[in-house]
C-alpha atoms as a PDB file:
ATOM      1  CA  MET A   1       0.000   0.000   0.000  1.00  0.00           C
ATOM      2  CA  ILE A   2       2.757   2.435   0.894  1.00  0.00           C
ATOM      3  CA  ASN A   3       4.030   2.513  -2.687  1.00  0.00           C
ATOM      4  CA  LYS A   4       0.617   2.943  -4.315  1.00  0.00           C
ATOM      5  CA  SER A   5      -0.780   6.190  -2.949  1.00  0.00           C
ATOM      6  CA  LYS A   6       0.981   9.538  -2.979  1.00  0.00           C
ATOM      7  CA  ILE A   7      -1.691  10.996  -0.706  1.00  0.00           C
ATOM      8  CA  TYR A   8      -1.235   8.242   1.885  1.00  0.00           C
ATOM      9  CA  LYS A   9       2.540   8.598   1.777  1.00  0.00           C
ATOM     10  CA  SER A  10       2.227  12.347   2.311  1.00  0.00           C
ATOM     11  CA  SER A  11       0.015  11.777   5.354  1.00  0.00           C
ATOM     12  CA  LEU A  12       2.423   9.195   6.792  1.00  0.00           C
ATOM     13  CA  LYS A  13       5.155  11.825   6.790  1.00  0.00           C
ATOM     14  CA  LYS A  14       3.214  13.645   9.509  1.00  0.00           C
ATOM     15  CA  LEU A  15       3.840  10.639  11.773  1.00  0.00           C
ATOM     16  CA  LEU A  16       7.616  10.582  11.438  1.00  0.00           C
ATOM     17  CA  PRO A  17       8.297  13.158  14.207  1.00  0.00           C
ATOM     18  CA  GLU A  18       6.237  10.966  16.575  1.00  0.00           C
ATOM     19  CA  LEU A  19       8.426   7.865  16.125  1.00  0.00           C
ATOM     20  CA  PRO A  20      10.863   6.892  18.908  1.00  0.00           C
ATOM     21  CA  GLU A  21      13.940   9.083  19.134  1.00  0.00           C
ATOM     22  CA  LYS A  22      16.167   5.998  19.160  1.00  0.00           C
ATOM     23  CA  LYS A  23      16.398   5.561  15.384  1.00  0.00           C
ATOM     24  CA  ASP A  24      17.742   1.999  15.586  1.00  0.00           C
ATOM     25  CA  ALA A  25      15.080   0.761  18.002  1.00  0.00           C
ATOM     26  CA  VAL A  26      13.590  -2.718  17.635  1.00  0.00           C
ATOM     27  CA  VAL A  27       9.778  -2.591  17.419  1.00  0.00           C
ATOM     28  CA  LEU A  28       7.232  -5.417  17.571  1.00  0.00           C
ATOM     29  CA  ILE A  29       3.735  -4.659  16.239  1.00  0.00           C
ATOM     30  CA  THR A  30       1.014  -7.247  16.814  1.00  0.00           C
ATOM     31  CA  GLY A  31      -2.183  -7.161  14.758  1.00  0.00           C
ATOM     32  CA  ALA A  32       0.043  -5.635  12.109  1.00  0.00           C
ATOM     33  CA  THR A  33      -2.268  -6.225   9.137  1.00  0.00           C
ATOM     34  CA  GLY A  34      -5.119  -4.374  10.855  1.00  0.00           C
ATOM     35  CA  LEU A  35      -6.330  -0.801  10.515  1.00  0.00           C
ATOM     36  CA  ILE A  36      -3.947   0.776  13.027  1.00  0.00           C
ATOM     37  CA  GLY A  37      -1.014  -1.635  13.172  1.00  0.00           C
ATOM     38  CA  SER A  38      -0.457  -1.472   9.414  1.00  0.00           C
ATOM     39  CA  CYS A  39      -0.457   2.332   9.398  1.00  0.00           C
ATOM     40  CA  ILE A  40       2.137   2.500  12.174  1.00  0.00           C
ATOM     41  CA  ALA A  41       4.308  -0.129  10.473  1.00  0.00           C
ATOM     42  CA  ASP A  42       4.174   1.877   7.244  1.00  0.00           C
ATOM     43  CA  ALA A  43       5.410   4.962   9.128  1.00  0.00           C
ATOM     44  CA  PHE A  44       8.443   3.095  10.492  1.00  0.00           C
ATOM     45  CA  PHE A  45       9.259   1.794   7.024  1.00  0.00           C
ATOM     46  CA  LEU A  46       8.922   5.261   5.492  1.00  0.00           C
ATOM     47  CA  SER A  47      11.266   6.683   8.118  1.00  0.00           C
ATOM     48  CA  ASN A  48      13.853   4.044   7.244  1.00  0.00           C
ATOM     49  CA  ALA A  49      13.444   4.702   3.519  1.00  0.00           C
ATOM     50  CA  GLU A  50      13.474   8.499   3.569  1.00  0.00           C
ATOM     51  CA  ASN A  51      14.840   9.700   6.923  1.00  0.00           C
ATOM     52  CA  GLY A  52      17.890   7.471   7.213  1.00  0.00           C
ATOM     53  CA  SER A  53      16.472   5.675  10.254  1.00  0.00           C
ATOM     54  CA  SER A  54      17.275   2.024  10.929  1.00  0.00           C
ATOM     55  CA  TYR A  55      14.283   0.796  12.914  1.00  0.00           C
ATOM     56  CA  THR A  56      14.029  -2.992  12.983  1.00  0.00           C
ATOM     57  CA  VAL A  57      10.314  -3.776  12.796  1.00  0.00           C
ATOM     58  CA  TYR A  58       8.657  -7.135  13.415  1.00  0.00           C
ATOM     59  CA  VAL A  59       5.092  -7.238  12.072  1.00  0.00           C
ATOM     60  CA  MET A  60       3.053 -10.063  13.593  1.00  0.00           C
ATOM     61  CA  GLY A  61      -0.205 -11.630  12.443  1.00  0.00           C
ATOM     62  CA  ARG A  62      -1.868 -15.033  12.260  1.00  0.00           C
ATOM     63  CA  SER A  63      -1.691 -15.379   8.480  1.00  0.00           C
ATOM     64  CA  GLU A  64       1.652 -15.417   6.697  1.00  0.00           C
ATOM     65  CA  GLU A  65      -0.177 -14.884   3.406  1.00  0.00           C
ATOM     66  CA  LYS A  66      -1.850 -11.703   4.678  1.00  0.00           C
ATOM     67  CA  LEU A  67       1.427 -10.436   6.127  1.00  0.00           C
ATOM     68  CA  ARG A  68       3.294 -11.006   2.866  1.00  0.00           C
ATOM     69  CA  ARG A  69       0.524  -9.400   0.836  1.00  0.00           C
ATOM     70  CA  ARG A  70       0.119  -6.361   3.102  1.00  0.00           C
ATOM     71  CA  PHE A  71       3.851  -5.837   3.559  1.00  0.00           C
ATOM     72  CA  ALA A  72       4.993  -6.692   0.052  1.00  0.00           C
ATOM     73  CA  TYR A  73       7.706  -4.096   0.486  1.00  0.00           C
ATOM     74  CA  ALA A  74       9.333  -6.277   3.203  1.00  0.00           C
ATOM     75  CA  GLY A  75      11.642  -7.682   0.545  1.00  0.00           C
ATOM     76  CA  GLU A  76      13.093  -4.214  -0.001  1.00  0.00           C
ATOM     77  CA  THR A  77      14.739  -4.083   3.429  1.00  0.00           C
ATOM     78  CA  PRO A  78      16.293  -6.537   5.877  1.00  0.00           C
ATOM     79  CA  LEU A  79      14.890  -4.436   8.723  1.00  0.00           C
ATOM     80  CA  LEU A  80      11.234  -5.481   8.271  1.00  0.00           C
ATOM     81  CA  HIS A  81      10.366  -9.001   9.415  1.00  0.00           C
ATOM     82  CA  CYS A  82       7.027 -10.798   9.035  1.00  0.00           C
ATOM     83  CA  VAL A  83       6.170 -13.042  12.003  1.00  0.00           C
ATOM     84  CA  ALA A  84       3.252 -15.400  11.385  1.00  0.00           C
ATOM     85  CA  GLN A  85       1.845 -16.797  14.611  1.00  0.00           C
ATOM     86  CA  ASP A  86      -1.201 -16.805  16.860  1.00  0.00           C
ATOM     87  CA  ILE A  87      -0.877 -14.180  19.584  1.00  0.00           C
ATOM     88  CA  ASN A  88      -2.489 -16.661  22.010  1.00  0.00           C
ATOM     89  CA  ASP A  89       0.673 -18.775  21.856  1.00  0.00           C
ATOM     90  CA  PRO A  90       3.978 -17.808  23.489  1.00  0.00           C
ATOM     91  CA  LEU A  91       6.312 -16.090  21.067  1.00  0.00           C
ATOM     92  CA  THR A  92       8.315 -18.648  19.099  1.00  0.00           C
ATOM     93  CA  GLU A  93      10.866 -16.306  17.513  1.00  0.00           C
ATOM     94  CA  ASP A  94      13.749 -14.857  19.510  1.00  0.00           C
ATOM     95  CA  ILE A  95      12.797 -11.181  19.482  1.00  0.00           C
ATOM     96  CA  SER A  96      14.107  -8.638  21.966  1.00  0.00           C
ATOM     97  CA  PRO A  97      12.135  -5.458  21.250  1.00  0.00           C
ATOM     98  CA  ASP A  98      12.630  -2.013  22.694  1.00  0.00           C
ATOM     99  CA  TYR A  99       8.959  -1.246  22.027  1.00  0.00           C
ATOM    100  CA  ILE A 100       5.830  -3.402  21.708  1.00  0.00           C
ATOM    101  CA  ILE A 101       2.660  -2.002  20.130  1.00  0.00           C
ATOM    102  CA  HIS A 102       0.033  -4.607  20.966  1.00  0.00           C
ATOM    103  CA  ALA A 103      -2.853  -4.101  18.543  1.00  0.00           C
ATOM    104  CA  ALA A 104      -3.924  -7.725  17.955  1.00  0.00           C
ATOM    105  CA  SER A 105      -7.637  -8.264  18.524  1.00  0.00           C
ATOM    106  CA  ASN A 106     -10.885  -9.117  16.781  1.00  0.00           C
ATOM    107  CA  ALA A 107     -12.254  -5.646  16.279  1.00  0.00           C
ATOM    108  CA  ASP A 108     -15.478  -5.755  14.308  1.00  0.00           C
ATOM    109  CA  PRO A 109     -19.037  -6.697  15.295  1.00  0.00           C
ATOM    110  CA  VAL A 110     -19.338  -9.726  12.998  1.00  0.00           C
ATOM    111  CA  ALA A 111     -16.246 -11.289  14.586  1.00  0.00           C
ATOM    112  CA  TYR A 112     -17.724 -10.797  18.066  1.00  0.00           C
ATOM    113  CA  ALA A 113     -20.834 -12.691  16.976  1.00  0.00           C
ATOM    114  CA  LEU A 114     -19.067 -15.502  15.106  1.00  0.00           C
ATOM    115  CA  TYR A 115     -16.038 -15.985  17.365  1.00  0.00           C
ATOM    116  CA  PRO A 116     -16.911 -14.735  20.862  1.00  0.00           C
ATOM    117  CA  ALA A 117     -14.674 -17.182  22.752  1.00  0.00           C
ATOM    118  CA  GLN A 118     -11.731 -16.457  20.439  1.00  0.00           C
ATOM    119  CA  THR A 119     -12.322 -12.721  20.803  1.00  0.00           C
ATOM    120  CA  LEU A 120     -12.291 -12.903  24.596  1.00  0.00           C
ATOM    121  CA  LEU A 121      -9.325 -15.255  24.931  1.00  0.00           C
ATOM    122  CA  THR A 122      -7.206 -13.382  22.381  1.00  0.00           C
ATOM    123  CA  ASN A 123      -7.563 -10.142  24.308  1.00  0.00           C
ATOM    124  CA  ILE A 124      -6.552 -11.797  27.572  1.00  0.00           C
ATOM    125  CA  TYR A 125      -3.954 -14.415  26.576  1.00  0.00           C
ATOM    126  CA  GLY A 126      -2.476 -12.252  23.848  1.00  0.00           C
ATOM    127  CA  THR A 127      -1.976  -9.383  26.278  1.00  0.00           C
ATOM    128  CA  LYS A 128      -0.449 -11.731  28.855  1.00  0.00           C
ATOM    129  CA  ASN A 129       2.027 -13.084  26.313  1.00  0.00           C
ATOM    130  CA  MET A 130       3.120  -9.602  25.289  1.00  0.00           C
ATOM    131  CA  LEU A 131       3.428  -8.475  28.922  1.00  0.00           C
ATOM    132  CA  ASP A 132       5.539 -11.555  29.669  1.00  0.00           C
ATOM    133  CA  LEU A 133       7.788 -10.597  26.761  1.00  0.00           C
ATOM    134  CA  ALA A 134       8.064  -7.076  28.175  1.00  0.00           C
ATOM    135  CA  VAL A 135       9.105  -8.508  31.562  1.00  0.00           C
ATOM    136  CA  LYS A 136      11.728 -10.694  29.881  1.00  0.00           C
ATOM    137  CA  THR A 137      13.199  -8.022  27.606  1.00  0.00           C
ATOM    138  CA  GLY A 138      12.510  -4.740  29.407  1.00  0.00           C
ATOM    139  CA  ALA A 139      10.493  -3.480  26.443  1.00  0.00           C
ATOM    140  CA  ARG A 140       8.128  -0.536  26.684  1.00  0.00           C
ATOM    141  CA  LEU A 141       4.598  -1.765  25.827  1.00  0.00           C
ATOM    142  CA  LEU A 142       1.454  -0.063  24.582  1.00  0.00           C
ATOM    143  CA  LEU A 143      -1.915  -1.826  24.624  1.00  0.00           C
ATOM    144  CA  THR A 144      -4.651  -0.629  22.276  1.00  0.00           C
ATOM    145  CA  SER A 145      -8.057  -0.716  23.953  1.00  0.00           C
ATOM    146  CA  THR A 146     -11.483   0.665  23.069  1.00  0.00           C
ATOM    147  CA  PHE A 147     -14.102   3.218  24.041  1.00  0.00           C
ATOM    148  CA  GLU A 148     -16.444   0.251  24.539  1.00  0.00           C
ATOM    149  CA  VAL A 149     -14.851  -0.470  27.932  1.00  0.00           C
ATOM    150  CA  TYR A 150     -16.819   2.487  29.310  1.00  0.00           C
ATOM    151  CA  GLY A 151     -20.064   0.563  28.930  1.00  0.00           C
ATOM    152  CA  LYS A 152     -23.189   2.550  29.620  1.00  0.00           C
ATOM    153  CA  ILE A 153     -22.890   5.603  31.843  1.00  0.00           C
ATOM    154  CA  GLU A 154     -26.260   7.151  32.609  1.00  0.00           C
ATOM    155  CA  ASP A 155     -26.813  10.833  31.872  1.00  0.00           C
ATOM    156  CA  ASN A 156     -23.322  11.356  30.509  1.00  0.00           C
ATOM    157  CA  ASP A 157     -22.145  11.744  26.926  1.00  0.00           C
ATOM    158  CA  VAL A 158     -18.501  12.728  27.440  1.00  0.00           C
ATOM    159  CA  TYR A 159     -16.220  10.052  28.871  1.00  0.00           C
ATOM    160  CA  SER A 160     -12.916  10.647  30.618  1.00  0.00           C
ATOM    161  CA  GLU A 161     -10.460   7.961  31.650  1.00  0.00           C
ATOM    162  CA  ASN A 162     -11.568   7.765  35.291  1.00  0.00           C
ATOM    163  CA  MET A 163     -15.175   6.829  34.455  1.00  0.00           C
ATOM    164  CA  THR A 164     -16.658   3.341  34.545  1.00  0.00           C
ATOM    165  CA  GLY A 165     -20.077   2.260  33.298  1.00  0.00           C
ATOM    166  CA  VAL A 166     -22.140  -0.915  33.096  1.00  0.00           C
ATOM    167  CA  ILE A 167     -21.527  -3.689  30.559  1.00  0.00           C
ATOM    168  CA  ASP A 168     -24.270  -6.266  29.999  1.00  0.00           C
ATOM    169  CA  LEU A 169     -22.577  -9.576  30.788  1.00  0.00           C
ATOM    170  CA  THR A 170     -25.529 -11.544  29.379  1.00  0.00           C
ATOM    171  CA  ALA A 171     -24.827 -10.206  25.863  1.00  0.00           C
ATOM    172  CA  ILE A 172     -22.434 -12.289  23.771  1.00  0.00           C
ATOM    173  CA  ARG A 173     -20.928  -9.200  22.112  1.00  0.00           C
ATOM    174  CA  SER A 174     -19.709  -8.145  25.570  1.00  0.00           C
ATOM    175  CA  CYS A 175     -16.877 -10.615  24.988  1.00  0.00           C
ATOM    176  CA  TYR A 176     -15.026  -7.704  23.384  1.00  0.00           C
ATOM    177  CA  PRO A 177     -15.344  -4.812  25.861  1.00  0.00           C
ATOM    178  CA  GLU A 178     -15.214  -7.004  28.972  1.00  0.00           C
ATOM    179  CA  SER A 179     -12.019  -8.762  27.853  1.00  0.00           C
ATOM    180  CA  LYS A 180     -10.494  -5.400  26.966  1.00  0.00           C
ATOM    181  CA  ARG A 181     -11.279  -4.257  30.503  1.00  0.00           C
ATOM    182  CA  SER A 182      -9.490  -7.342  31.802  1.00  0.00           C
ATOM    183  CA  ALA A 183      -6.517  -6.704  29.522  1.00  0.00           C
ATOM    184  CA  GLU A 184      -6.234  -3.119  30.795  1.00  0.00           C
ATOM    185  CA  LEU A 185      -6.302  -4.319  34.406  1.00  0.00           C
ATOM    186  CA  LEU A 186      -3.760  -7.049  33.674  1.00  0.00           C
ATOM    187  CA  LEU A 187      -1.429  -4.396  32.285  1.00  0.00           C
ATOM    188  CA  ARG A 188      -1.743  -2.325  35.455  1.00  0.00           C
ATOM    189  CA  CYS A 189      -1.035  -5.432  37.537  1.00  0.00           C
ATOM    190  CA  TYR A 190       2.174  -6.087  35.594  1.00  0.00           C
ATOM    191  CA  VAL A 191       3.231  -2.464  36.020  1.00  0.00           C
ATOM    192  CA  GLN A 192       2.769  -2.698  39.785  1.00  0.00           C
ATOM    193  CA  GLN A 193       4.052  -6.236  40.372  1.00  0.00           C
ATOM    194  CA  TYR A 194       6.848  -6.507  37.808  1.00  0.00           C
ATOM    195  CA  GLY A 195       7.739  -2.883  37.103  1.00  0.00           C
ATOM    196  CA  VAL A 196       6.858  -3.119  33.414  1.00  0.00           C
ATOM    197  CA  GLY A 197       6.808   0.138  31.480  1.00  0.00           C
ATOM    198  CA  ALA A 198       3.379  -0.093  29.888  1.00  0.00           C
ATOM    199  CA  VAL A 199       0.499   2.196  28.905  1.00  0.00           C
ATOM    200  CA  THR A 200      -2.986   1.863  27.428  1.00  0.00           C
ATOM    201  CA  ALA A 201      -4.432   3.774  24.469  1.00  0.00           C
ATOM    202  CA  ARG A 202      -8.234   3.738  24.641  1.00  0.00           C
ATOM    203  CA  LEU A 203      -9.384   4.304  21.062  1.00  0.00           C
ATOM    204  CA  SER A 204     -12.439   6.103  19.718  1.00  0.00           C
ATOM    205  CA  SER A 205     -14.106   5.053  16.433  1.00  0.00           C
ATOM    206  CA  ILE A 206     -11.168   4.834  14.018  1.00  0.00           C
ATOM    207  CA  TYR A 207     -11.439   4.955  10.229  1.00  0.00           C
ATOM    208  CA  GLY A 208      -9.068   5.357   7.306  1.00  0.00           C
ATOM    209  CA  PRO A 209      -7.732   3.801   4.103  1.00  0.00           C
ATOM    210  CA  THR A 210      -6.098   0.923   6.004  1.00  0.00           C
ATOM    211  CA  MET A 211      -9.498  -0.475   7.039  1.00  0.00           C
ATOM    212  CA  LEU A 212      -9.895  -4.139   6.172  1.00  0.00           C
ATOM    213  CA  LYS A 213     -12.294  -5.054   3.382  1.00  0.00           C
ATOM    214  CA  ASN A 214     -14.372  -7.157   5.807  1.00  0.00           C
ATOM    215  CA  ASP A 215     -14.668  -4.432   8.457  1.00  0.00           C
ATOM    216  CA  SER A 216     -18.338  -4.547   9.454  1.00  0.00           C
ATOM    217  CA  LYS A 217     -18.506  -1.293  11.417  1.00  0.00           C
ATOM    218  CA  ALA A 218     -21.136   1.131  10.152  1.00  0.00           C
ATOM    219  CA  HIS A 219     -18.747   3.851   8.970  1.00  0.00           C
ATOM    220  CA  ALA A 220     -16.660   1.291   7.050  1.00  0.00           C
ATOM    221  CA  GLN A 221     -19.790   0.086   5.269  1.00  0.00           C
ATOM    222  CA  PHE A 222     -20.750   3.690   4.441  1.00  0.00           C
ATOM    223  CA  ILE A 223     -17.376   4.259   2.784  1.00  0.00           C
ATOM    224  CA  ARG A 224     -17.608   1.039   0.754  1.00  0.00           C
ATOM    225  CA  ASN A 225     -21.132   1.949  -0.346  1.00  0.00           C
ATOM    226  CA  GLY A 226     -20.052   5.440  -1.368  1.00  0.00           C
ATOM    227  CA  LEU A 227     -17.042   4.196  -3.335  1.00  0.00           C
ATOM    228  CA  ALA A 228     -19.302   1.756  -5.182  1.00  0.00           C
ATOM    229  CA  GLY A 229     -21.668   4.592  -6.091  1.00  0.00           C
ATOM    230  CA  GLU A 230     -24.428   3.083  -3.971  1.00  0.00           C
ATOM    231  CA  ASN A 231     -26.870   4.875  -1.708  1.00  0.00           C
ATOM    232  CA  ILE A 232     -26.154   4.585   2.012  1.00  0.00           C
ATOM    233  CA  VAL A 233     -29.033   2.901   3.814  1.00  0.00           C
ATOM    234  CA  LEU A 234     -29.613   3.717   7.488  1.00  0.00           C
ATOM    235  CA  LYS A 235     -31.752   1.340   9.549  1.00  0.00           C
ATOM    236  CA  SER A 236     -32.177   3.972  12.279  1.00  0.00           C
ATOM    237  CA  GLU A 237     -32.333   7.739  12.559  1.00  0.00           C
ATOM    238  CA  GLY A 238     -28.589   7.661  13.305  1.00  0.00           C
ATOM    239  CA  LYS A 239     -28.740  10.126  16.192  1.00  0.00           C
ATOM    240  CA  PRO A 240     -26.009   8.775  18.521  1.00  0.00           C
ATOM    241  CA  ARG A 241     -22.924  11.006  18.523  1.00  0.00           C
ATOM    242  CA  ARG A 242     -19.401   9.647  18.728  1.00  0.00           C
ATOM    243  CA  THR A 243     -15.824  10.754  18.346  1.00  0.00           C
ATOM    244  CA  TYR A 244     -14.447   9.604  14.984  1.00  0.00           C
ATOM    245  CA  THR A 245     -10.683   9.681  14.508  1.00  0.00           C
ATOM    246  CA  TYR A 246      -8.741   9.394  11.252  1.00  0.00           C
ATOM    247  CA  VAL A 247      -6.178   6.602  11.440  1.00  0.00           C
ATOM    248  CA  VAL A 248      -3.195   8.945  11.014  1.00  0.00           C
ATOM    249  CA  ASP A 249      -4.367  11.013  13.991  1.00  0.00           C
ATOM    250  CA  ALA A 250      -4.941   7.804  15.980  1.00  0.00           C
ATOM    251  CA  ALA A 251      -1.450   6.549  15.122  1.00  0.00           C
ATOM    252  CA  ALA A 252       0.047   9.902  16.163  1.00  0.00           C
ATOM    253  CA  GLY A 253      -1.754   9.670  19.514  1.00  0.00           C
ATOM    254  CA  ILE A 254      -0.603   6.084  20.065  1.00  0.00           C
ATOM    255  CA  LEU A 255       3.026   6.941  19.314  1.00  0.00           C
ATOM    256  CA  ARG A 256       2.894   9.971  21.624  1.00  0.00           C
ATOM    257  CA  ILE A 257       1.510   7.813  24.458  1.00  0.00           C
ATOM    258  CA  LEU A 258       4.149   5.153  23.791  1.00  0.00           C
ATOM    259  CA  LYS A 259       6.901   7.747  24.188  1.00  0.00           C
ATOM    260  CA  ASP A 260       5.567  10.063  26.879  1.00  0.00           C
ATOM    261  CA  GLY A 261       2.684   8.350  28.677  1.00  0.00           C
ATOM    262  CA  VAL A 262       2.976   7.496  32.377  1.00  0.00           C
ATOM    263  CA  SER A 263       3.311   3.764  33.010  1.00  0.00           C
ATOM    264  CA  GLY A 264       0.064   2.166  34.132  1.00  0.00           C
ATOM    265  CA  GLU A 265      -2.033   5.069  32.868  1.00  0.00           C
ATOM    266  CA  VAL A 266      -4.854   5.039  30.304  1.00  0.00           C
ATOM    267  CA  TYR A 267      -5.235   7.720  27.623  1.00  0.00           C
ATOM    268  CA  ASN A 268      -8.252   8.349  25.391  1.00  0.00           C
ATOM    269  CA  VAL A 269      -7.242   8.682  21.739  1.00  0.00           C
ATOM    270  CA  SER A 270      -9.636  10.994  19.922  1.00  0.00           C
ATOM    271  CA  ASN A 271      -9.930  14.241  17.995  1.00  0.00           C
ATOM    272  CA  GLU A 272     -12.115  16.870  19.663  1.00  0.00           C
ATOM    273  CA  ASN A 273     -12.792  18.400  16.236  1.00  0.00           C
ATOM    274  CA  SER A 274     -14.262  15.192  14.825  1.00  0.00           C
ATOM    275  CA  ILE A 275     -17.505  14.541  16.704  1.00  0.00           C
ATOM    276  CA  ALA A 276     -20.587  13.562  14.724  1.00  0.00           C
ATOM    277  CA  SER A 277     -23.745  11.485  14.701  1.00  0.00           C
ATOM    278  CA  ILE A 278     -23.931   8.293  12.672  1.00  0.00           C
ATOM    279  CA  ALA A 279     -26.296  10.062  10.266  1.00  0.00           C
ATOM    280  CA  GLU A 280     -23.844  12.950   9.851  1.00  0.00           C
ATOM    281  CA  VAL A 281     -21.046  10.506   8.990  1.00  0.00           C
ATOM    282  CA  ALA A 282     -23.295   8.845   6.421  1.00  0.00           C
ATOM    283  CA  GLN A 283     -24.308  12.205   4.946  1.00  0.00           C
ATOM    284  CA  THR A 284     -20.688  13.395   4.729  1.00  0.00           C
ATOM    285  CA  VAL A 285     -19.627  10.231   2.906  1.00  0.00           C
ATOM    286  CA  ALA A 286     -22.602  10.512   0.556  1.00  0.00           C
ATOM    287  CA  GLU A 287     -21.786  14.138  -0.308  1.00  0.00           C
ATOM    288  CA  ILE A 288     -18.129  13.310  -1.009  1.00  0.00           C
ATOM    289  CA  CYS A 289     -19.084  10.332  -3.198  1.00  0.00           C
ATOM    290  CA  GLY A 290     -22.091  11.919  -4.914  1.00  0.00           C
ATOM    291  CA  THR A 291     -24.635   9.446  -3.553  1.00  0.00           C
ATOM    292  CA  ARG A 292     -27.587   9.712  -1.162  1.00  0.00           C
ATOM    293  CA  VAL A 293     -28.554   8.642   2.341  1.00  0.00           C
ATOM    294  CA  VAL A 294     -31.757   6.601   2.447  1.00  0.00           C
ATOM    295  CA  PHE A 295     -33.547   5.902   5.698  1.00  0.00           C
ATOM    296  CA  ASP A 296     -35.126   2.449   5.954  1.00  0.00           C
ATOM    297  CA  LEU A 297     -36.457   2.574   9.495  1.00  0.00           C
ATOM    298  CA  PRO A 298     -37.466  -0.758  11.074  1.00  0.00           C
ATOM    299  CA  ASP A 299     -40.939  -1.508  12.316  1.00  0.00           C
ATOM    300  CA  ASP A 300     -41.508  -2.057  16.048  1.00  0.00           C
ATOM    301  CA  LEU A 301     -40.890  -5.799  15.849  1.00  0.00           C
ATOM    302  CA  GLU A 302     -37.600  -5.448  13.967  1.00  0.00           C
ATOM    303  CA  ALA A 303     -36.442  -2.644  16.241  1.00  0.00           C
ATOM    304  CA  ARG A 304     -36.642  -4.915  19.297  1.00  0.00           C
ATOM    305  CA  GLY A 305     -33.533  -6.729  18.079  1.00  0.00           C
ATOM    306  CA  PHE A 306     -31.456  -3.569  17.857  1.00  0.00           C
ATOM    307  CA  SER A 307     -29.135  -2.372  20.609  1.00  0.00           C
ATOM    308  CA  LYS A 308     -30.160   0.874  22.308  1.00  0.00           C
ATOM    309  CA  PRO A 309     -28.032   3.686  20.866  1.00  0.00           C
ATOM    310  CA  GLN A 310     -26.085   6.038  23.115  1.00  0.00           C
ATOM    311  CA  ASN A 311     -23.677   8.916  22.733  1.00  0.00           C
ATOM    312  CA  CYS A 312     -19.983   8.272  23.384  1.00  0.00           C
ATOM    313  CA  ILE A 313     -17.656  11.253  23.113  1.00  0.00           C
ATOM    314  CA  LEU A 314     -14.107  10.736  24.399  1.00  0.00           C
ATOM    315  CA  ASP A 315     -12.458  13.540  26.369  1.00  0.00           C
ATOM    316  CA  ASN A 316      -8.872  13.734  25.073  1.00  0.00           C
ATOM    317  CA  GLY A 317      -7.582  16.357  27.507  1.00  0.00           C
ATOM    318  CA  LYS A 318      -5.157  13.882  29.055  1.00  0.00           C
ATOM    319  CA  LEU A 319      -3.641  13.088  25.644  1.00  0.00           C
ATOM    320  CA  ARG A 320      -3.475  16.757  24.694  1.00  0.00           C
ATOM    321  CA  SER A 321      -1.513  17.376  27.899  1.00  0.00           C
ATOM    322  CA  LEU A 322       1.239  15.253  26.316  1.00  0.00           C
ATOM    323  CA  GLY A 323       1.333  17.634  23.350  1.00  0.00           C
ATOM    324  CA  PHE A 324      -1.003  15.785  20.983  1.00  0.00           C
ATOM    325  CA  CYS A 325      -2.946  17.830  18.443  1.00  0.00           C
ATOM    326  CA  GLY A 326      -5.332  16.200  15.965  1.00  0.00           C
ATOM    327  CA  ARG A 327      -4.941  17.317  12.362  1.00  0.00           C
ATOM    328  CA  TYR A 328      -8.031  15.829  10.696  1.00  0.00           C
ATOM    329  CA  PRO A 329     -11.597  17.064  11.250  1.00  0.00           C
ATOM    330  CA  LEU A 330     -14.187  14.526  10.098  1.00  0.00           C
ATOM    331  CA  GLU A 331     -14.836  15.845   6.580  1.00  0.00           C
ATOM    332  CA  ARG A 332     -11.128  16.138   5.800  1.00  0.00           C
ATOM    333  CA  GLY A 333     -10.362  12.647   7.121  1.00  0.00           C
ATOM    334  CA  LEU A 334     -13.228  11.020   5.244  1.00  0.00           C
ATOM    335  CA  ARG A 335     -12.365  12.848   2.037  1.00  0.00           C
ATOM    336  CA  GLU A 336      -8.729  11.756   2.249  1.00  0.00           C
ATOM    337  CA  THR A 337      -9.760   8.163   2.994  1.00  0.00           C
ATOM    338  CA  ILE A 338     -11.992   8.068  -0.075  1.00  0.00           C
ATOM    339  CA  GLU A 339      -9.376   9.771  -2.287  1.00  0.00           C
ATOM    340  CA  ILE A 340      -6.680   7.271  -1.245  1.00  0.00           C
ATOM    341  CA  LEU A 341      -8.930   4.258  -1.820  1.00  0.00           C
ATOM    342  CA  ARG A 342      -9.953   5.616  -5.229  1.00  0.00           C
ATOM    343  CA  GLU A 343      -6.312   6.258  -6.123  1.00  0.00           C
ATOM    344  CA  GLU A 344      -5.373   2.689  -5.217  1.00  0.00           C
ATOM    345  CA  THR A 345      -8.116   1.160  -7.372  1.00  0.00           C
ATOM    346  CA  GLN A 346      -6.926   3.195 -10.351  1.00  0.00           C
ATOM    347  CA  ASN A 347      -3.279   2.080 -10.021  1.00  0.00           C
END
């Protein structure tokens, strides 16, 4: 991907100042073929190619085929290594990283429904394995988590890191947020008991050109519909408001937390200038792509099967105190995403 889009490459350059100051650091990225991991890996590679850095980067994922396809440029440098293995298993390769960015997780609603046990166990065992590696090697570790850990907080739309809400433990899809809660707590336990240098990045709704083709989140489907010239169909009024963050902004926040965050602490990753309702996201995509939003509201019987919508706006004051500043308001981020994806299909 990095060689296909001039727009994407230009955006990646904004990440280079956020990379670790040690230009020959060894970095392990789990979930490396995913939305966020792949973007961060691309930034390290670009720094090596154009800034004279010599980061050694290990990109880990379950499928060797997907790793080789996503990181086809690995053959251009001996400093990028593809590691195919299940994060639930102890690391088989002898890797001694300076930094671990742990982004491996099922992260879309269809996966929660189809593979709930795998989703839960991956978040817990995978995090344990990476924390054990950090204990062994002294690596600095960052765990990517999710806004879903907040659960439902009555009469509150803006969530800061010290808040905790209710998660319905009878719902199968709770396998994702509840196991992320456990992973966050496990990290804090390792910090206290073993002195690990580790932090948590709690992500808002992330989007961008590195989204997987099977991403089932609503905004990903909107973008695919728009690119195909199809109308965007909403099955609700789309009123809930959330913080949406372009992947380059999210990666910048993650890298800033990795470098400057306080061990054991949690930081919301969001852009305060990118808050919108689901309907507004759909309308923005439709306007960029020249299509329309069509409302197909369910009847009372169908609506009973839907989850109750709620607002979830992440307060990023704690991240901004580290010097983070988001660059991409919603319209700009969505427009760039669509332009990059169009550019790639034409090449």
